[in-house]
Amino acid sequence: MTSSNLPFEVRHSPIQGAGGFATRPIPAGVRLIEYAGERLTPSQAEARYPDIPGERHHTYLFAIDDEVVIDAAVNGNEARFLNHSCAPNCDAVIEDGRIWIESIQDIEVGEELVYDYAYILEERHTPAAKKRFPCFCGAITCRGTILAKKR
């Protein structure tokens, strides 16, 4: 799908930076876009974007599995602009080594397309860790972080 065929456009987001906004009604269950970019190993990704204690985490990295990470900052597409929300209307689906963003509910024209990043840290989710991974979605159910809930 080329950018002109996408059912959304990228523009300023009240959540953060740029976001994707529906340009036509999108029913639930639509595969919207592939999360594209350079394929790296986790160690290559860590070397490129080292985690600096006390600083906010911000990259376009998306792990497919324990061996492949997509860096959408290099050869990425509009998918990299879709923001996190604790009340998502989309989901990221990993299939055959690729990441797809799909709608999980009906989306109205002008509505921002968002999915739960559910970022996973191996370390404990301390207040300091949550501060490095803040959420600004504004949802009633906002957990204040893009980190996944620990099980």
Protein backbone atom coordinates (compact mmCIF):
# COMPACT_ATOMS: atom_id res chain seq x y z
CA MET A 1 0.00 0.00 0.00
CA THR A 2 1.47 3.35 -0.98
CA SER A 3 1.11 6.37 1.29
CA SER A 4 -1.58 7.80 -1.01
CA ASN A 5 -3.64 4.62 -0.57
CA LEU A 6 -3.37 4.58 3.22
CA PRO A 7 -6.60 5.20 5.14
CA PHE A 8 -4.77 7.68 7.37
CA GLU A 9 -2.52 10.73 7.21
CA VAL A 10 0.35 11.78 9.44
CA ARG A 11 -0.03 15.10 11.23
CA HIS A 12 0.56 16.74 14.62
CA SER A 13 -0.75 14.64 17.51
CA PRO A 14 -2.01 15.82 20.90
CA ILE A 15 -0.49 12.62 22.34
CA GLN A 16 3.04 13.24 21.13
CA GLY A 17 4.81 14.58 18.04
CA ALA A 18 3.20 13.26 14.90
CA GLY A 19 0.43 10.68 14.72
CA GLY A 20 -1.72 8.86 12.19
CA PHE A 21 -5.30 10.09 11.74
CA ALA A 22 -8.06 8.30 9.82
CA THR A 23 -8.97 9.97 6.52
CA ARG A 24 -11.95 7.65 6.00
CA PRO A 25 -13.97 5.29 8.19
CA ILE A 26 -11.95 2.17 9.04
CA PRO A 27 -13.83 -0.94 10.15
CA ALA A 28 -12.43 -3.32 12.77
CA GLY A 29 -10.17 -6.02 11.38
CA VAL A 30 -8.40 -4.03 8.65
CA ARG A 31 -4.69 -4.55 8.09
CA LEU A 32 -3.53 -0.95 7.80
CA ILE A 33 0.22 -0.94 7.23
CA GLU A 34 3.37 -2.95 7.77
CA TYR A 35 5.81 -1.62 10.38
CA ALA A 36 8.80 -1.29 8.06
CA GLY A 37 12.46 -0.48 8.60
CA GLU A 38 15.96 -1.87 8.82
CA ARG A 39 16.25 -5.31 10.38
CA LEU A 40 18.80 -5.49 13.21
CA THR A 41 19.89 -7.92 15.87
CA PRO A 42 19.11 -6.86 19.45
CA SER A 43 22.82 -6.16 20.06
CA GLN A 44 22.99 -3.93 16.95
CA ALA A 45 19.90 -2.05 18.15
CA GLU A 46 21.38 -1.60 21.63
CA ALA A 47 24.64 -0.29 20.16
CA ARG A 48 22.75 2.15 17.93
CA TYR A 49 20.40 3.36 20.70
CA PRO A 50 22.01 2.75 24.09
CA ASP A 51 19.70 3.02 27.08
CA ILE A 52 20.99 5.95 29.13
CA PRO A 53 19.93 5.87 32.79
CA GLY A 54 17.68 8.76 33.73
CA GLU A 55 16.98 9.74 30.12
CA ARG A 56 13.70 9.19 28.36
CA HIS A 57 13.67 6.23 25.99
CA HIS A 58 12.71 7.22 22.44
CA THR A 59 13.40 5.24 19.28
CA TYR A 60 11.50 3.64 16.45
CA LEU A 61 12.55 0.13 17.46
CA PHE A 62 10.09 -2.76 17.42
CA ALA A 63 11.21 -6.29 18.35
CA ILE A 64 9.78 -9.10 16.26
CA ASP A 65 11.35 -11.76 18.47
CA ASP A 66 14.57 -12.38 20.41
CA GLU A 67 16.63 -12.24 17.20
CA VAL A 68 15.15 -9.45 15.02
CA VAL A 69 14.42 -5.80 15.77
CA ILE A 70 12.95 -3.37 13.23
CA ASP A 71 14.44 0.15 13.23
CA ALA A 72 11.80 2.30 11.52
CA ALA A 73 14.11 5.34 11.67
CA VAL A 74 15.99 3.71 8.77
CA ASN A 75 13.89 2.92 5.68
CA GLY A 76 10.71 3.09 7.76
CA ASN A 77 7.28 4.26 6.70
CA GLU A 78 4.23 6.03 8.17
CA ALA A 79 3.70 3.21 10.70
CA ARG A 80 6.48 4.67 12.84
CA PHE A 81 4.28 7.67 13.60
CA LEU A 82 1.42 5.70 15.14
CA ASN A 83 1.40 6.55 18.83
CA HIS A 84 0.93 4.46 21.95
CA SER A 85 -2.33 4.48 23.89
CA CYS A 86 -3.50 2.56 26.92
CA ALA A 87 -6.93 2.49 25.18
CA PRO A 88 -5.91 1.30 21.70
CA ASN A 89 -8.01 1.09 18.55
CA CYS A 90 -5.31 -0.86 16.69
CA ASP A 91 -2.98 -3.76 17.46
CA ALA A 92 0.43 -4.87 16.24
CA VAL A 93 0.35 -8.37 14.78
CA ILE A 94 3.53 -10.32 14.13
CA GLU A 95 3.16 -12.79 11.29
CA ASP A 96 5.85 -14.61 9.30
CA GLY A 97 8.63 -12.33 10.57
CA ARG A 98 6.75 -9.13 9.72
CA ILE A 99 4.82 -6.64 11.87
CA TRP A 100 1.41 -5.42 10.76
CA ILE A 101 -0.77 -2.74 12.33
CA GLU A 102 -4.46 -3.71 12.26
CA SER A 103 -7.60 -1.97 13.47
CA ILE A 104 -9.31 -3.73 16.40
CA GLN A 105 -12.42 -1.57 16.44
CA ASP A 106 -14.27 0.74 14.07
CA ILE A 107 -12.38 4.02 13.65
CA GLU A 108 -14.04 7.28 12.62
CA VAL A 109 -12.65 9.92 10.26
CA GLY A 110 -10.26 12.18 12.16
CA GLU A 111 -9.65 9.67 14.99
CA GLU A 112 -6.02 9.00 15.86
CA LEU A 113 -4.78 5.46 15.18
CA VAL A 114 -3.10 4.14 18.32
CA TYR A 115 -1.90 0.82 19.69
CA ASP A 116 -0.52 -0.36 23.01
CA TYR A 117 3.26 -0.55 22.66
CA ALA A 118 3.32 -2.90 25.68
CA TYR A 119 7.08 -2.36 25.92
CA ILE A 120 8.75 -5.09 27.97
CA LEU A 121 11.67 -4.51 30.31
CA GLU A 122 13.51 -7.34 31.95
CA GLU A 123 14.19 -5.14 34.96
CA ARG A 124 11.60 -4.34 37.60
CA HIS A 125 9.12 -1.62 36.60
CA THR A 126 10.21 0.87 39.25
CA PRO A 127 8.95 4.48 39.27
CA ALA A 128 12.29 5.49 37.70
CA ALA A 129 11.86 2.91 34.91
CA LYS A 130 8.30 4.08 34.27
CA LYS A 131 9.57 7.68 34.07
CA ARG A 132 11.91 6.68 31.22
CA PHE A 133 8.94 5.23 29.32
CA PRO A 134 6.10 7.76 29.88
CA CYS A 135 2.65 7.65 28.32
CA PHE A 136 0.75 10.78 27.31
CA CYS A 137 -2.34 9.15 25.80
CA GLY A 138 -4.77 10.82 28.19
CA ALA A 139 -7.08 7.79 28.28
CA ILE A 140 -9.17 7.25 31.40
CA THR A 141 -7.39 3.89 31.70
CA CYS A 142 -3.90 5.40 31.19
CA ARG A 143 -1.29 3.54 33.24
CA GLY A 144 1.22 6.41 32.86
CA THR A 145 3.76 4.33 30.96
CA ILE A 146 4.18 2.56 27.63
CA LEU A 147 5.54 -0.43 29.56
CA ALA A 148 3.45 -3.59 29.52
CA LYS A 149 1.76 -4.60 32.73
CA LYS A 150 3.94 -7.09 34.59
CA ARG A 151 2.27 -10.45 35.01
